[in-house]
Amino acid sequence: MGGVTHVASETFKGVEVVRAFGGKEYEEKRFAKASGYNLRQSLKLAKVDEISTPFIQILTFIAIAVLLWIGLSTDIRGGMDTGDFLSYLTAASLIAKPLRQLTGVNSKIQKGIAASQSIFEMMDEEAEVDEGATALQRAKGRLELKDVCFRYPGSDRNALNNINLTIEPGETVAFVGRSGSGKTTLVNLMPRFNNVSDGQIMLDDVPLEDYRLADLRRQVAIVNQQVVLFQDTVAHNIAYGDLAGVSEDDIIQAATAAHAMEFIEKLPEGLQTQVGEDGVMLSGGQRQRLALARAILKDAPLLILDEATSALDTESERYIQQALNRVMKNRTTLVIAHRLSTIENADKIVVMDQGQIVEVGSHQQLLEKDGAYAQLHRLQFSEPSQV
């Protein structure tokens, strides 16, 4: 049944793509295939149930007949009187009903085993390694990466190779490069979503592994390109997790800074409006502004922006960029961007390619170097005559 619900869920979520690309027949076939498989499996289970019930009943009747024959045998019965014999037969016949009920247990056990397989697979996964003992109230924000390498499980090559980088407290560092160059992989090492395969990352001159995991992640606020919202109110999506105890005034202040109050005030119940599953009731830009408000409210010393303004229109992006400029002051900020215009004022720009750092410097320094960054800049800002 899980396959049927999975196909149906994918179709509902991607209904616009299905309609636009003429995928109706394909999805109908896919759903029919999943439904057919589910039907065949259900029929097999029903067949086993229907066969096992009469089979158990026949065995029960045979057993009772054998017991009756034994009871009628004078050699075995011995000195048993009529009352004892009737009690014996009654006890033997009462066994039939519990035995018949046992036939229904097997199907339930088999269903439970099938359903629990994925649960057991999840339970067998190794828990996050959290052996750190160093407490951390609020980090200063100095990051140092020493010969960092990372390889995804099952891969035959490194996603990151020999990354060396120092980021001072309060610096804004932008990571640019082609898709797949390792930018997101690198920043995901900071909150230890993945652990380095080789090398070391230091936060305030202490290895990340030495910090308690919960303390470390309290130092990091993240705005991803793929915004995650939960089926809850706007307020609870902004004040999420450890932020749940903040006041409504703080939520409004964060939402205002992210230019989210502009649309929140127009919602039927304001901050208490339900956003739907995965924020389906909101547009892409509105969802991203809520994610920004969540990060602003957290007020962490490390801020990670992974294409944080990618879903915004030009006017909203300008407002958000102004808000981000205020938020980024006095905190270490790691920015992943493909639009180079948004990171020209970064203290340091790191150009990555194939999991390696190829250039580091300010916007002006990298343009003067006329290397990989300058090439990317020319591609984005080329003159009409060059297009």
Protein backbone atom coordinates (compact mmCIF):
# COMPACT_ATOMS: atom_id res chain seq x y z
CA MET A 1 0.00 0.00 0.00
CA GLY A 2 2.95 2.28 0.60
CA GLY A 3 3.78 2.23 -3.12
CA VAL A 4 0.25 3.33 -4.03
CA THR A 5 0.26 6.27 -1.61
CA HIS A 6 3.78 7.26 -2.73
CA VAL A 7 2.77 7.44 -6.41
CA ALA A 8 -0.44 9.30 -5.57
CA SER A 9 1.41 11.79 -3.37
CA GLU A 10 4.00 12.50 -6.05
CA THR A 11 1.28 13.03 -8.65
CA PHE A 12 -0.68 15.44 -6.46
CA LYS A 13 2.41 17.45 -5.57
CA GLY A 14 3.58 17.61 -9.18
CA VAL A 15 0.19 18.05 -10.81
CA GLU A 16 1.29 21.20 -12.67
CA VAL A 17 4.28 19.37 -14.19
CA VAL A 18 2.07 16.39 -15.07
CA ARG A 19 -0.37 18.66 -16.90
CA ALA A 20 2.28 20.79 -18.61
CA PHE A 21 4.31 17.84 -19.94
CA GLY A 22 1.41 15.54 -20.80
CA GLY A 23 2.24 13.00 -18.11
CA LYS A 24 -1.37 11.99 -17.40
CA GLU A 25 -1.20 8.64 -19.21
CA TYR A 26 2.21 7.84 -17.76
CA GLU A 27 1.03 8.57 -14.21
CA GLU A 28 -2.15 6.55 -14.78
CA LYS A 29 -0.04 3.58 -15.87
CA ARG A 30 2.31 4.04 -12.92
CA PHE A 31 -0.61 4.21 -10.49
CA ALA A 32 -2.27 1.18 -12.13
CA LYS A 33 1.00 -0.76 -11.84
CA ALA A 34 1.36 0.08 -8.14
CA SER A 35 -2.30 -0.69 -7.51
CA GLY A 36 -2.04 -3.98 -9.42
CA TYR A 37 0.97 -5.05 -7.35
CA ASN A 38 -0.86 -4.13 -4.15
CA LEU A 39 -3.91 -6.11 -5.34
CA ARG A 40 -1.84 -9.21 -6.12
CA GLN A 41 -0.17 -9.09 -2.73
CA SER A 42 -3.53 -8.61 -0.99
CA LEU A 43 -5.00 -11.58 -2.91
CA LYS A 44 -2.06 -13.75 -1.91
CA LEU A 45 -2.62 -12.86 1.72
CA ALA A 46 -6.36 -13.49 1.43
CA LYS A 47 -5.70 -16.85 -0.26
CA VAL A 48 -3.42 -17.93 2.56
CA ASP A 49 -6.04 -16.85 5.11
CA GLU A 50 -8.83 -18.73 3.34
CA ILE A 51 -6.72 -21.89 3.02
CA SER A 52 -5.40 -21.86 6.55
CA THR A 53 -8.83 -21.55 8.22
CA PRO A 54 -10.37 -24.80 6.88
CA PHE A 55 -7.02 -26.55 7.20
CA ILE A 56 -6.84 -25.74 10.92
CA GLN A 57 -10.48 -26.74 11.37
CA ILE A 58 -9.90 -30.12 9.73
CA LEU A 59 -6.90 -30.71 11.98
CA THR A 60 -9.03 -29.73 14.96
CA PHE A 61 -11.81 -32.16 14.05
CA ILE A 62 -9.28 -34.93 13.49
CA ALA A 63 -7.74 -34.21 16.88
CA ILE A 64 -11.16 -34.30 18.57
CA ALA A 65 -11.98 -37.59 16.78
CA VAL A 66 -8.71 -39.07 18.00
CA LEU A 67 -9.42 -37.89 21.52
CA LEU A 68 -12.94 -39.35 21.33
CA TRP A 69 -11.57 -42.69 20.14
CA ILE A 70 -9.03 -42.64 22.93
CA GLY A 71 -11.76 -41.80 25.41
CA LEU A 72 -13.95 -44.70 24.23
CA SER A 73 -11.12 -47.20 24.52
CA THR A 74 -11.70 -49.22 27.68
CA ASP A 75 -8.00 -49.92 28.07
CA ILE A 76 -7.15 -46.22 28.16
CA ARG A 77 -10.29 -45.00 29.89
CA GLY A 78 -9.75 -47.35 32.81
CA GLY A 79 -11.89 -46.42 35.80
CA MET A 80 -13.23 -43.18 34.23
CA ASP A 81 -16.96 -42.79 34.95
CA THR A 82 -19.54 -41.11 32.72
CA GLY A 83 -19.12 -37.64 34.29
CA ASP A 84 -15.37 -37.68 33.87
CA PHE A 85 -15.79 -38.80 30.26
CA LEU A 86 -18.22 -35.97 29.48
CA SER A 87 -15.88 -33.45 31.09
CA TYR A 88 -13.09 -34.84 28.96
CA LEU A 89 -15.14 -34.46 25.74
CA THR A 90 -16.27 -30.94 26.69
CA ALA A 91 -12.71 -29.80 27.32
CA ALA A 92 -11.60 -31.31 24.02
CA SER A 93 -14.39 -29.58 22.04
CA LEU A 94 -13.67 -26.21 23.65
CA ILE A 95 -10.20 -26.26 22.12
CA ALA A 96 -11.68 -25.84 18.62
CA LYS A 97 -12.62 -22.16 18.91
CA PRO A 98 -9.25 -20.88 20.20
CA LEU A 99 -7.49 -22.87 17.49
CA ARG A 100 -9.70 -21.31 14.80
CA GLN A 101 -8.92 -17.85 16.20
CA LEU A 102 -5.23 -18.59 15.91
CA THR A 103 -5.60 -18.83 12.13
CA GLY A 104 -6.24 -15.07 11.94
CA VAL A 105 -3.13 -14.26 13.94
CA ASN A 106 -0.69 -15.29 11.21
CA SER A 107 -1.97 -12.75 8.67
CA LYS A 108 -1.70 -9.94 11.21
CA ILE A 109 1.83 -11.02 12.09
CA GLN A 110 2.83 -11.05 8.40
CA LYS A 111 1.35 -7.58 7.88
CA GLY A 112 3.21 -6.34 10.94
CA ILE A 113 6.51 -7.81 9.71
CA ALA A 114 6.10 -6.15 6.29
CA ALA A 115 5.19 -2.79 7.84
CA SER A 116 7.99 -2.91 10.39
CA GLN A 117 10.73 -3.66 7.86
CA SER A 118 11.29 0.01 6.99
CA ILE A 119 11.08 0.93 10.68
CA PHE A 120 13.75 -1.61 11.59
CA GLU A 121 15.94 -0.38 8.72
CA MET A 122 15.72 3.13 10.16
CA MET A 123 16.42 1.87 13.68
CA ASP A 124 19.48 0.00 12.40
CA GLU A 125 20.99 3.21 11.00
CA GLU A 126 23.91 4.48 13.01
CA ALA A 127 23.10 7.43 15.25
CA GLU A 128 24.93 10.73 14.81
CA VAL A 129 28.32 10.67 16.45
CA ASP A 130 28.18 13.05 19.40
CA GLU A 131 31.24 12.48 21.55
CA GLY A 132 32.00 16.15 22.21
CA ALA A 133 32.18 17.33 25.79
CA THR A 134 32.93 21.03 25.32
CA ALA A 135 30.02 23.33 26.13
CA LEU A 136 29.47 26.39 23.95
CA GLN A 137 27.22 29.30 24.92
CA ARG A 138 27.91 31.68 22.03
CA ALA A 139 30.72 31.36 19.53
CA LYS A 140 32.86 34.24 18.36
CA GLY A 141 32.61 32.87 14.82
CA ARG A 142 36.20 32.18 13.75
CA LEU A 143 36.36 29.22 11.36
CA GLU A 144 39.48 27.49 10.15
CA LEU A 145 39.50 24.62 7.66
CA LYS A 146 42.68 22.55 7.46
CA ASP A 147 43.16 20.11 4.56
CA VAL A 148 39.46 19.21 4.65
CA CYS A 149 38.38 16.32 2.46
CA PHE A 150 34.94 14.76 2.23
CA ARG A 151 33.56 11.75 0.40
CA TYR A 152 29.93 10.68 0.32
CA PRO A 153 29.28 7.07 1.41
CA GLY A 154 29.42 4.72 -1.57
CA SER A 155 31.25 7.22 -3.78
CA ASP A 156 34.59 6.39 -5.34
CA ARG A 157 35.92 9.97 -5.31
CA ASN A 158 36.03 12.93 -2.96
CA ALA A 159 33.42 15.66 -3.16
CA LEU A 160 35.90 18.02 -1.45
CA ASN A 161 39.67 17.95 -1.74
CA ASN A 162 42.23 19.66 0.51
CA ILE A 163 40.15 22.68 1.48
CA ASN A 164 42.18 25.26 3.40
CA LEU A 165 40.41 28.42 4.47
CA THR A 166 40.34 30.83 7.41
CA ILE A 167 37.28 32.94 8.18
CA GLU A 168 37.57 35.62 10.83
CA PRO A 169 34.70 36.55 13.19
CA GLY A 170 32.16 38.83 11.54
CA GLU A 171 33.39 38.19 8.01
CA THR A 172 31.01 37.60 5.13
CA VAL A 173 32.38 34.90 2.87
CA ALA A 174 30.71 34.05 -0.42
CA PHE A 175 31.11 30.72 -2.21
CA VAL A 176 30.64 30.74 -5.96
CA GLY A 177 31.20 28.25 -8.73
CA ARG A 178 29.43 25.91 -11.07
CA SER A 179 26.64 23.63 -9.88
CA GLY A 180 28.17 20.53 -8.31
CA SER A 181 31.45 22.25 -7.41
CA GLY A 182 30.98 21.42 -3.69
CA LYS A 183 29.69 24.70 -2.24
CA THR A 184 26.69 23.28 -0.37
CA THR A 185 28.65 20.20 0.65
CA LEU A 186 31.29 22.44 2.23
CA VAL A 187 28.92 24.63 4.26
CA ASN A 188 26.98 21.56 5.44
CA LEU A 189 30.12 20.46 7.26
CA MET A 190 29.90 23.47 9.60
CA PRO A 191 26.82 22.29 11.57
CA ARG A 192 28.10 18.72 11.16
CA PHE A 193 25.30 17.49 8.94
CA ASN A 194 28.20 15.47 7.55
CA ASN A 195 31.56 14.76 9.15
CA VAL A 196 34.82 15.37 7.33
CA SER A 197 36.53 12.32 5.84
CA ASP A 198 39.96 13.82 6.41
CA GLY A 199 41.36 17.05 7.78
CA GLN A 200 39.84 19.27 10.46
CA ILE A 201 37.44 22.18 10.92
CA MET A 202 38.01 24.50 13.89
CA LEU A 203 35.48 26.88 15.43
CA ASP A 204 37.12 29.41 17.74
CA ASP A 205 40.29 27.26 17.66
CA VAL A 206 38.41 24.15 18.89
CA PRO A 207 37.69 21.16 16.59
CA LEU A 208 33.97 20.85 15.76
CA GLU A 209 33.97 17.25 17.04
CA ASP A 210 34.92 18.47 20.52
CA TYR A 211 31.74 20.53 20.91
CA ARG A 212 28.50 19.02 22.07
CA LEU A 213 26.39 18.63 18.94
CA ALA A 214 23.35 20.47 20.32
CA ASP A 215 25.52 23.40 21.45
CA LEU A 216 27.26 23.57 18.07
CA ARG A 217 24.01 23.67 16.10
CA ARG A 218 22.62 26.40 18.31
CA GLN A 219 25.38 28.61 16.87
CA VAL A 220 24.17 28.18 13.29
CA ALA A 221 21.15 29.63 11.47
CA ILE A 222 20.45 28.35 7.96
CA VAL A 223 18.33 29.53 5.07
CA ASN A 224 18.31 26.88 2.36
CA GLN A 225 17.32 27.19 -1.26
CA GLN A 226 14.75 24.45 -0.67
CA VAL A 227 12.65 25.97 2.11
CA VAL A 228 11.15 23.54 4.62
CA LEU A 229 7.89 24.56 6.28
CA PHE A 230 5.79 22.42 8.58
CA GLN A 231 2.03 21.92 8.65
CA ASP A 232 1.49 24.46 11.38
CA THR A 233 0.84 28.15 11.86
CA VAL A 234 2.99 30.94 10.45
CA ALA A 235 4.10 31.86 13.97
CA HIS A 236 5.18 28.31 14.84
CA ASN A 237 7.10 28.01 11.57
CA ILE A 238 9.06 31.15 12.41
CA ALA A 239 9.52 30.34 16.11
CA TYR A 240 10.45 26.71 15.49
CA GLY A 241 12.19 24.25 17.81
CA ASP A 242 14.32 25.99 20.45
CA LEU A 243 12.66 29.28 19.48
CA ALA A 244 9.17 28.14 20.53
CA GLY A 245 9.23 30.12 23.78
CA VAL A 246 9.80 33.57 22.27
CA SER A 247 7.18 36.30 22.50
CA GLU A 248 4.87 37.31 19.67
CA ASP A 249 6.56 40.71 19.56
CA ASP A 250 9.89 39.03 18.79
CA ILE A 251 8.24 36.99 16.03
CA ILE A 252 6.70 40.13 14.52
CA GLN A 253 10.05 41.93 14.70
CA ALA A 254 11.82 39.08 12.87
CA ALA A 255 9.05 38.82 10.28
CA THR A 256 9.18 42.58 9.71
CA ALA A 257 12.96 42.44 9.21
CA ALA A 258 12.44 39.71 6.61
CA HIS A 259 9.66 41.76 4.93
CA ALA A 260 7.23 38.93 5.69
CA MET A 261 4.67 40.95 7.66
CA GLU A 262 3.61 42.54 4.38
CA PHE A 263 1.80 39.33 3.37
CA ILE A 264 1.26 37.86 6.86
CA GLU A 265 -1.06 40.74 7.77
CA LYS A 266 -3.19 39.92 4.72
CA LEU A 267 -3.64 36.26 5.71
CA PRO A 268 -7.03 35.27 7.21
CA GLU A 269 -5.67 34.74 10.73
CA GLY A 270 -2.36 36.56 10.48
CA LEU A 271 0.42 34.80 12.38
CA GLN A 272 -2.01 32.04 13.41
CA THR A 273 -2.83 31.07 9.82
CA GLN A 274 -2.10 27.44 8.91
CA VAL A 275 0.41 27.25 6.04
CA GLY A 276 -0.63 23.76 4.91
CA GLU A 277 1.55 20.75 4.21
CA ASP A 278 5.05 21.97 3.28
CA GLY A 279 3.70 25.52 3.09
CA VAL A 280 1.45 24.76 0.12
CA MET A 281 -0.75 27.79 0.92
CA LEU A 282 2.16 30.18 0.31
CA SER A 283 4.10 31.24 -2.75
CA GLY A 284 7.78 30.48 -3.18
CA GLY A 285 8.82 34.00 -2.23
CA GLN A 286 6.59 33.99 0.84
CA ARG A 287 8.01 30.66 1.97
CA GLN A 288 11.56 31.97 1.60
CA ARG A 289 10.76 35.10 3.60
CA LEU A 290 9.45 32.94 6.45
CA ALA A 291 12.69 30.96 6.38
CA LEU A 292 14.63 34.22 6.57
CA ALA A 293 12.50 35.38 9.50
CA ARG A 294 13.26 32.10 11.28
CA ALA A 295 16.99 32.64 10.81
CA ILE A 296 16.77 36.27 11.94
CA LEU A 297 14.85 35.26 15.06
CA LYS A 298 17.48 32.66 15.98
CA ASP A 299 20.16 35.36 16.11
CA ALA A 300 23.00 32.84 15.79
CA PRO A 301 26.65 33.94 15.44
CA LEU A 302 27.02 31.83 12.28
CA LEU A 303 24.64 32.43 9.38
CA ILE A 304 24.47 30.19 6.30
CA LEU A 305 22.59 31.51 3.26
CA ASP A 306 22.22 28.96 0.47
CA GLU A 307 20.65 30.90 -2.41
CA ALA A 308 18.48 32.63 0.20
CA THR A 309 16.94 35.10 -2.25
CA SER A 310 16.56 32.78 -5.24
CA ALA A 311 12.73 32.70 -5.10
CA LEU A 312 12.22 36.45 -4.70
CA ASP A 313 11.30 39.06 -7.26
CA THR A 314 13.66 41.96 -7.89
CA GLU A 315 11.92 44.39 -5.53
CA SER A 316 11.60 41.86 -2.70
CA GLU A 317 15.21 40.80 -3.21
CA ARG A 318 16.36 44.38 -2.77
CA TYR A 319 14.43 44.70 0.49
CA ILE A 320 15.65 41.33 1.74
CA GLN A 321 19.22 42.14 0.79
CA GLN A 322 19.00 45.31 2.85
CA ALA A 323 17.64 43.31 5.78
CA LEU A 324 20.37 40.70 5.37
CA ASN A 325 23.04 43.39 5.32
CA ARG A 326 21.83 44.49 8.76
CA VAL A 327 21.58 40.91 10.03
CA MET A 328 25.03 39.95 8.76
CA LYS A 329 26.77 42.66 10.77
CA ASN A 330 28.88 41.33 13.64
CA ARG A 331 28.30 37.70 12.69
CA THR A 332 30.14 35.24 10.47
CA THR A 333 28.12 34.70 7.31
CA LEU A 334 28.61 32.03 4.65
CA VAL A 335 26.78 32.83 1.44
CA ILE A 336 26.23 30.53 -1.51
CA ALA A 337 25.14 32.47 -4.57
CA HIS A 338 24.95 32.11 -8.31
CA ARG A 339 23.95 35.73 -8.89
CA LEU A 340 27.25 37.50 -8.41
CA SER A 341 25.58 40.88 -7.95
CA THR A 342 24.40 39.79 -4.49
CA ILE A 343 27.90 39.04 -3.16
CA GLU A 344 30.04 41.86 -4.57
CA ASN A 345 30.35 43.43 -1.11
CA ALA A 346 31.48 40.21 0.58
CA ASP A 347 34.71 40.42 2.57
CA LYS A 348 35.98 37.34 0.83
CA ILE A 349 34.84 35.43 -2.24
CA VAL A 350 35.81 31.76 -2.56
CA VAL A 351 35.65 30.30 -6.07
CA MET A 352 35.21 26.53 -6.15
CA ASP A 353 35.51 24.00 -8.94
CA GLN A 354 35.32 20.20 -8.75
CA GLY A 355 35.54 20.18 -4.96
CA GLN A 356 38.58 22.46 -4.74
CA ILE A 357 39.20 26.12 -4.00
CA VAL A 358 40.66 27.74 -7.11
CA GLU A 359 40.54 31.41 -6.08
CA VAL A 360 40.07 33.50 -2.94
CA GLY A 361 39.86 37.27 -2.68
CA SER A 362 37.60 40.29 -2.75
CA HIS A 363 35.39 41.13 -5.73
CA GLN A 364 37.85 43.71 -7.08
CA GLN A 365 40.91 41.55 -6.45
CA LEU A 366 39.41 38.59 -8.32
CA LEU A 367 38.37 40.74 -11.26
CA GLU A 368 41.91 42.10 -11.52
CA LYS A 369 43.29 38.57 -11.37
CA ASP A 370 41.22 37.77 -14.48
CA GLY A 371 40.76 34.13 -13.51
CA ALA A 372 37.78 31.86 -12.92
CA TYR A 373 35.75 34.50 -11.06
CA ALA A 374 36.33 37.10 -13.74
CA GLN A 375 35.13 34.61 -16.33
CA LEU A 376 31.95 33.91 -14.35
CA HIS A 377 31.43 37.66 -13.96
CA ARG A 378 31.78 38.26 -17.69
CA LEU A 379 29.28 35.51 -18.45
CA GLN A 380 26.67 37.11 -16.18
CA PHE A 381 27.35 40.75 -17.03
CA SER A 382 28.46 40.53 -20.64
CA GLU A 383 27.70 43.45 -22.95
CA PRO A 384 24.90 43.02 -25.51
CA SER A 385 27.50 42.97 -28.28
CA GLN A 386 29.14 39.99 -26.63
CA VAL A 387 25.94 37.97 -26.28
